[in-house]
Amino acid sequence: MARKALIEREKKRDAMAAKYAALRAQLKAEGDLEGLAKLPRNANPIRHHNRCAQTGRSKGYIRDFGLSRITFREQASKGNIPGLTKSSW
């Protein structure tokens, strides 16, 4: 499980990006690069990092399911993901 501080930091980045989204769009449309540079770094949505919904793990993230590879495998083995079956041959 990821540290709680890392998960909370990611939530803070998401909130800040949402707060400054309209202003960023306006400054980009005007071509005001100095104004963009004065905004907080975490206001940039590119700094968002995907995390597993259950564990908060940042690496091995599967975008379609919102889970890390480890959690995905556990849930698939238990049959908790609809329409997904473990293959064998």
N, C-alpha and C. Protein backbone atom coordinates (compact mmCIF):
# COMPACT_ATOMS: atom_id res chain seq x y z
N MET A 1 0.84 -1.18 0.00
CA MET A 1 0.00 0.00 0.00
C MET A 1 0.88 1.24 0.00
N ALA A 2 0.52 2.20 -0.80
CA ALA A 2 1.28 3.44 -0.89
C ALA A 2 1.09 4.24 0.40
N ARG A 3 2.06 5.10 0.67
CA ARG A 3 1.94 5.96 1.83
C ARG A 3 0.74 6.88 1.65
N LYS A 4 0.07 7.17 2.74
CA LYS A 4 -1.12 8.03 2.69
C LYS A 4 -0.76 9.42 2.19
N ALA A 5 0.44 9.89 2.52
CA ALA A 5 0.86 11.22 2.10
C ALA A 5 0.94 11.33 0.58
N LEU A 6 1.38 10.27 -0.08
CA LEU A 6 1.47 10.29 -1.54
C LEU A 6 0.09 10.32 -2.18
N ILE A 7 -0.84 9.59 -1.60
CA ILE A 7 -2.20 9.58 -2.12
C ILE A 7 -2.84 10.95 -1.92
N GLU A 8 -2.64 11.54 -0.76
CA GLU A 8 -3.20 12.87 -0.48
C GLU A 8 -2.56 13.94 -1.36
N ARG A 9 -1.28 13.81 -1.63
CA ARG A 9 -0.59 14.77 -2.50
C ARG A 9 -1.19 14.72 -3.91
N GLU A 10 -1.52 13.52 -4.35
CA GLU A 10 -2.12 13.37 -5.68
C GLU A 10 -3.51 14.01 -5.72
N LYS A 11 -4.28 13.86 -4.64
CA LYS A 11 -5.59 14.49 -4.56
C LYS A 11 -5.47 16.01 -4.59
N LYS A 12 -4.45 16.52 -3.90
CA LYS A 12 -4.21 17.96 -3.87
C LYS A 12 -3.86 18.48 -5.26
N ARG A 13 -3.05 17.73 -6.00
CA ARG A 13 -2.69 18.12 -7.37
C ARG A 13 -3.93 18.14 -8.27
N ASP A 14 -4.79 17.14 -8.12
CA ASP A 14 -6.00 17.08 -8.93
C ASP A 14 -6.91 18.28 -8.65
N ALA A 15 -7.05 18.63 -7.37
CA ALA A 15 -7.90 19.75 -7.00
C ALA A 15 -7.33 21.07 -7.54
N MET A 16 -6.02 21.23 -7.45
CA MET A 16 -5.40 22.46 -7.92
C MET A 16 -5.49 22.58 -9.44
N ALA A 17 -5.34 21.48 -10.14
CA ALA A 17 -5.46 21.49 -11.60
C ALA A 17 -6.89 21.88 -12.01
N ALA A 18 -7.88 21.39 -11.28
CA ALA A 18 -9.27 21.74 -11.57
C ALA A 18 -9.54 23.22 -11.27
N LYS A 19 -8.94 23.71 -10.22
CA LYS A 19 -9.14 25.10 -9.81
C LYS A 19 -8.61 26.08 -10.86
N TYR A 20 -7.45 25.78 -11.42
CA TYR A 20 -6.80 26.68 -12.35
C TYR A 20 -7.05 26.34 -13.82
N ALA A 21 -7.92 25.39 -14.11
CA ALA A 21 -8.12 24.93 -15.49
C ALA A 21 -8.60 26.06 -16.40
N ALA A 22 -9.59 26.83 -15.96
CA ALA A 22 -10.12 27.91 -16.79
C ALA A 22 -9.08 29.00 -17.02
N LEU A 23 -8.37 29.36 -15.98
CA LEU A 23 -7.34 30.40 -16.10
C LEU A 23 -6.21 29.94 -17.01
N ARG A 24 -5.80 28.68 -16.88
CA ARG A 24 -4.75 28.13 -17.75
C ARG A 24 -5.18 28.16 -19.21
N ALA A 25 -6.43 27.79 -19.47
CA ALA A 25 -6.93 27.78 -20.84
C ALA A 25 -6.94 29.20 -21.42
N GLN A 26 -7.34 30.15 -20.60
CA GLN A 26 -7.37 31.55 -21.04
C GLN A 26 -5.96 32.06 -21.35
N LEU A 27 -5.02 31.80 -20.47
CA LEU A 27 -3.64 32.25 -20.67
C LEU A 27 -3.02 31.59 -21.89
N LYS A 28 -3.32 30.31 -22.11
CA LYS A 28 -2.78 29.61 -23.28
C LYS A 28 -3.36 30.18 -24.57
N ALA A 29 -4.66 30.52 -24.55
CA ALA A 29 -5.29 31.08 -25.74
C ALA A 29 -4.69 32.44 -26.07
N GLU A 30 -4.37 33.22 -25.04
CA GLU A 30 -3.76 34.54 -25.25
C GLU A 30 -2.29 34.44 -25.62
N GLY A 31 -1.69 33.31 -25.34
CA GLY A 31 -0.25 33.15 -25.59
C GLY A 31 0.61 33.80 -24.53
N ASP A 32 0.05 33.98 -23.33
CA ASP A 32 0.76 34.62 -22.22
C ASP A 32 1.60 33.58 -21.47
N LEU A 33 2.82 33.38 -21.94
CA LEU A 33 3.68 32.38 -21.33
C LEU A 33 4.18 32.83 -19.96
N GLU A 34 4.35 34.11 -19.75
CA GLU A 34 4.79 34.61 -18.44
C GLU A 34 3.71 34.39 -17.39
N GLY A 35 2.47 34.61 -17.78
CA GLY A 35 1.36 34.36 -16.85
C GLY A 35 1.24 32.89 -16.50
N LEU A 36 1.47 32.03 -17.48
CA LEU A 36 1.45 30.59 -17.21
C LEU A 36 2.56 30.19 -16.26
N ALA A 37 3.71 30.80 -16.43
CA ALA A 37 4.86 30.47 -15.58
C ALA A 37 4.64 30.88 -14.13
N LYS A 38 3.79 31.87 -13.90
CA LYS A 38 3.55 32.35 -12.55
C LYS A 38 2.54 31.49 -11.78
N LEU A 39 1.82 30.65 -12.51
CA LEU A 39 0.88 29.75 -11.84
C LEU A 39 1.64 28.69 -11.05
N PRO A 40 1.00 28.12 -10.03
CA PRO A 40 1.67 27.04 -9.27
C PRO A 40 1.98 25.85 -10.17
N ARG A 41 3.07 25.16 -9.88
CA ARG A 41 3.45 24.00 -10.70
C ARG A 41 2.39 22.92 -10.69
N ASN A 42 1.78 22.71 -9.55
CA ASN A 42 0.79 21.64 -9.44
C ASN A 42 -0.53 22.00 -10.12
N ALA A 43 -0.63 23.20 -10.67
CA ALA A 43 -1.83 23.58 -11.42
C ALA A 43 -1.80 22.98 -12.82
N ASN A 44 -0.66 22.45 -13.22
CA ASN A 44 -0.52 21.84 -14.54
C ASN A 44 -1.07 20.41 -14.48
N PRO A 45 -2.05 20.07 -15.32
CA PRO A 45 -2.64 18.72 -15.24
C PRO A 45 -1.67 17.62 -15.67
N ILE A 46 -0.57 17.96 -16.31
CA ILE A 46 0.38 16.93 -16.74
C ILE A 46 1.09 16.31 -15.53
N ARG A 47 1.07 16.99 -14.39
CA ARG A 47 1.72 16.47 -13.19
C ARG A 47 0.89 15.39 -12.50
N HIS A 48 -0.34 15.19 -12.97
CA HIS A 48 -1.18 14.12 -12.42
C HIS A 48 -0.55 12.76 -12.73
N HIS A 49 -0.57 11.87 -11.74
CA HIS A 49 -0.02 10.53 -11.92
C HIS A 49 -1.10 9.52 -11.53
N ASN A 50 -1.40 8.60 -12.41
CA ASN A 50 -2.44 7.60 -12.13
C ASN A 50 -2.03 6.69 -10.99
N ARG A 51 -2.99 6.37 -10.14
CA ARG A 51 -2.75 5.48 -9.00
C ARG A 51 -3.85 4.44 -8.91
N CYS A 52 -3.49 3.30 -8.39
CA CYS A 52 -4.44 2.21 -8.18
C CYS A 52 -5.54 2.68 -7.23
N ALA A 53 -6.78 2.35 -7.55
CA ALA A 53 -7.91 2.78 -6.73
C ALA A 53 -7.93 2.11 -5.37
N GLN A 54 -7.38 0.90 -5.27
CA GLN A 54 -7.44 0.17 -4.01
C GLN A 54 -6.20 0.35 -3.15
N THR A 55 -5.02 0.29 -3.78
CA THR A 55 -3.80 0.32 -2.99
C THR A 55 -3.04 1.63 -3.08
N GLY A 56 -3.29 2.42 -4.11
CA GLY A 56 -2.57 3.67 -4.28
C GLY A 56 -1.24 3.50 -4.99
N ARG A 57 -0.96 2.30 -5.46
CA ARG A 57 0.31 2.04 -6.15
C ARG A 57 0.35 2.82 -7.46
N SER A 58 1.50 3.41 -7.76
CA SER A 58 1.60 4.25 -8.95
C SER A 58 2.19 3.52 -10.14
N LYS A 59 2.96 2.49 -9.90
CA LYS A 59 3.59 1.78 -11.01
C LYS A 59 2.77 0.55 -11.39
N GLY A 60 2.82 0.17 -12.65
CA GLY A 60 2.07 -0.99 -13.12
C GLY A 60 0.58 -0.72 -13.17
N TYR A 61 0.20 0.50 -13.50
CA TYR A 61 -1.21 0.90 -13.52
C TYR A 61 -1.86 0.47 -14.82
N ILE A 62 -3.02 -0.18 -14.74
CA ILE A 62 -3.79 -0.58 -15.91
C ILE A 62 -4.95 0.40 -16.04
N ARG A 63 -4.88 1.24 -17.05
CA ARG A 63 -5.81 2.35 -17.20
C ARG A 63 -7.27 1.90 -17.37
N ASP A 64 -7.49 0.84 -18.12
CA ASP A 64 -8.85 0.38 -18.39
C ASP A 64 -9.61 -0.01 -17.13
N PHE A 65 -8.90 -0.46 -16.13
CA PHE A 65 -9.54 -0.95 -14.91
C PHE A 65 -9.28 -0.06 -13.70
N GLY A 66 -8.31 0.85 -13.78
CA GLY A 66 -8.00 1.73 -12.66
C GLY A 66 -7.30 1.01 -11.52
N LEU A 67 -6.63 -0.10 -11.84
CA LEU A 67 -5.96 -0.90 -10.83
C LEU A 67 -4.51 -1.12 -11.21
N SER A 68 -3.69 -1.44 -10.22
CA SER A 68 -2.32 -1.83 -10.52
C SER A 68 -2.33 -3.28 -10.99
N ARG A 69 -1.23 -3.70 -11.56
CA ARG A 69 -1.16 -5.05 -12.12
C ARG A 69 -1.34 -6.11 -11.04
N ILE A 70 -0.85 -5.85 -9.85
CA ILE A 70 -0.94 -6.83 -8.76
C ILE A 70 -2.40 -6.97 -8.29
N THR A 71 -3.04 -5.83 -8.05
CA THR A 71 -4.43 -5.84 -7.61
C THR A 71 -5.33 -6.40 -8.70
N PHE A 72 -5.02 -6.05 -9.95
CA PHE A 72 -5.80 -6.56 -11.08
C PHE A 72 -5.77 -8.08 -11.11
N ARG A 73 -4.59 -8.65 -10.93
CA ARG A 73 -4.45 -10.12 -10.97
C ARG A 73 -5.21 -10.78 -9.82
N GLU A 74 -5.13 -10.18 -8.64
CA GLU A 74 -5.85 -10.73 -7.49
C GLU A 74 -7.36 -10.70 -7.74
N GLN A 75 -7.87 -9.58 -8.22
CA GLN A 75 -9.30 -9.44 -8.45
C GLN A 75 -9.77 -10.36 -9.58
N ALA A 76 -8.94 -10.51 -10.61
CA ALA A 76 -9.30 -11.39 -11.73
C ALA A 76 -9.34 -12.84 -11.28
N SER A 77 -8.40 -13.23 -10.43
CA SER A 77 -8.38 -14.61 -9.95
C SER A 77 -9.59 -14.92 -9.07
N LYS A 78 -10.03 -13.92 -8.32
CA LYS A 78 -11.20 -14.11 -7.46
C LYS A 78 -12.50 -14.05 -8.25
N GLY A 79 -12.43 -13.56 -9.49
CA GLY A 79 -13.63 -13.43 -10.32
C GLY A 79 -14.41 -12.17 -10.04
N ASN A 80 -13.76 -11.15 -9.49
CA ASN A 80 -14.44 -9.91 -9.14
C ASN A 80 -14.54 -8.91 -10.29
N ILE A 81 -13.89 -9.20 -11.40
CA ILE A 81 -13.94 -8.30 -12.55
C ILE A 81 -14.87 -8.94 -13.58
N PRO A 82 -16.01 -8.32 -13.87
CA PRO A 82 -16.99 -8.93 -14.77
C PRO A 82 -16.45 -9.04 -16.19
N GLY A 83 -16.73 -10.18 -16.82
CA GLY A 83 -16.34 -10.40 -18.20
C GLY A 83 -14.90 -10.80 -18.38
N LEU A 84 -14.21 -11.07 -17.30
CA LEU A 84 -12.79 -11.41 -17.39
C LEU A 84 -12.58 -12.80 -16.83
N THR A 85 -11.92 -13.64 -17.61
CA THR A 85 -11.61 -14.99 -17.14
C THR A 85 -10.13 -15.26 -17.31
N LYS A 86 -9.59 -16.04 -16.44
CA LYS A 86 -8.19 -16.40 -16.54
C LYS A 86 -8.04 -17.48 -17.61
N SER A 87 -7.15 -17.22 -18.54
CA SER A 87 -6.98 -18.17 -19.62
C SER A 87 -6.02 -19.29 -19.24
N SER A 88 -6.24 -20.44 -19.83
CA SER A 88 -5.33 -21.55 -19.66
C SER A 88 -5.34 -22.37 -20.93
N TRP A 89 -4.21 -22.94 -21.29
CA TRP A 89 -4.13 -23.75 -22.51
C TRP A 89 -3.15 -24.88 -22.35
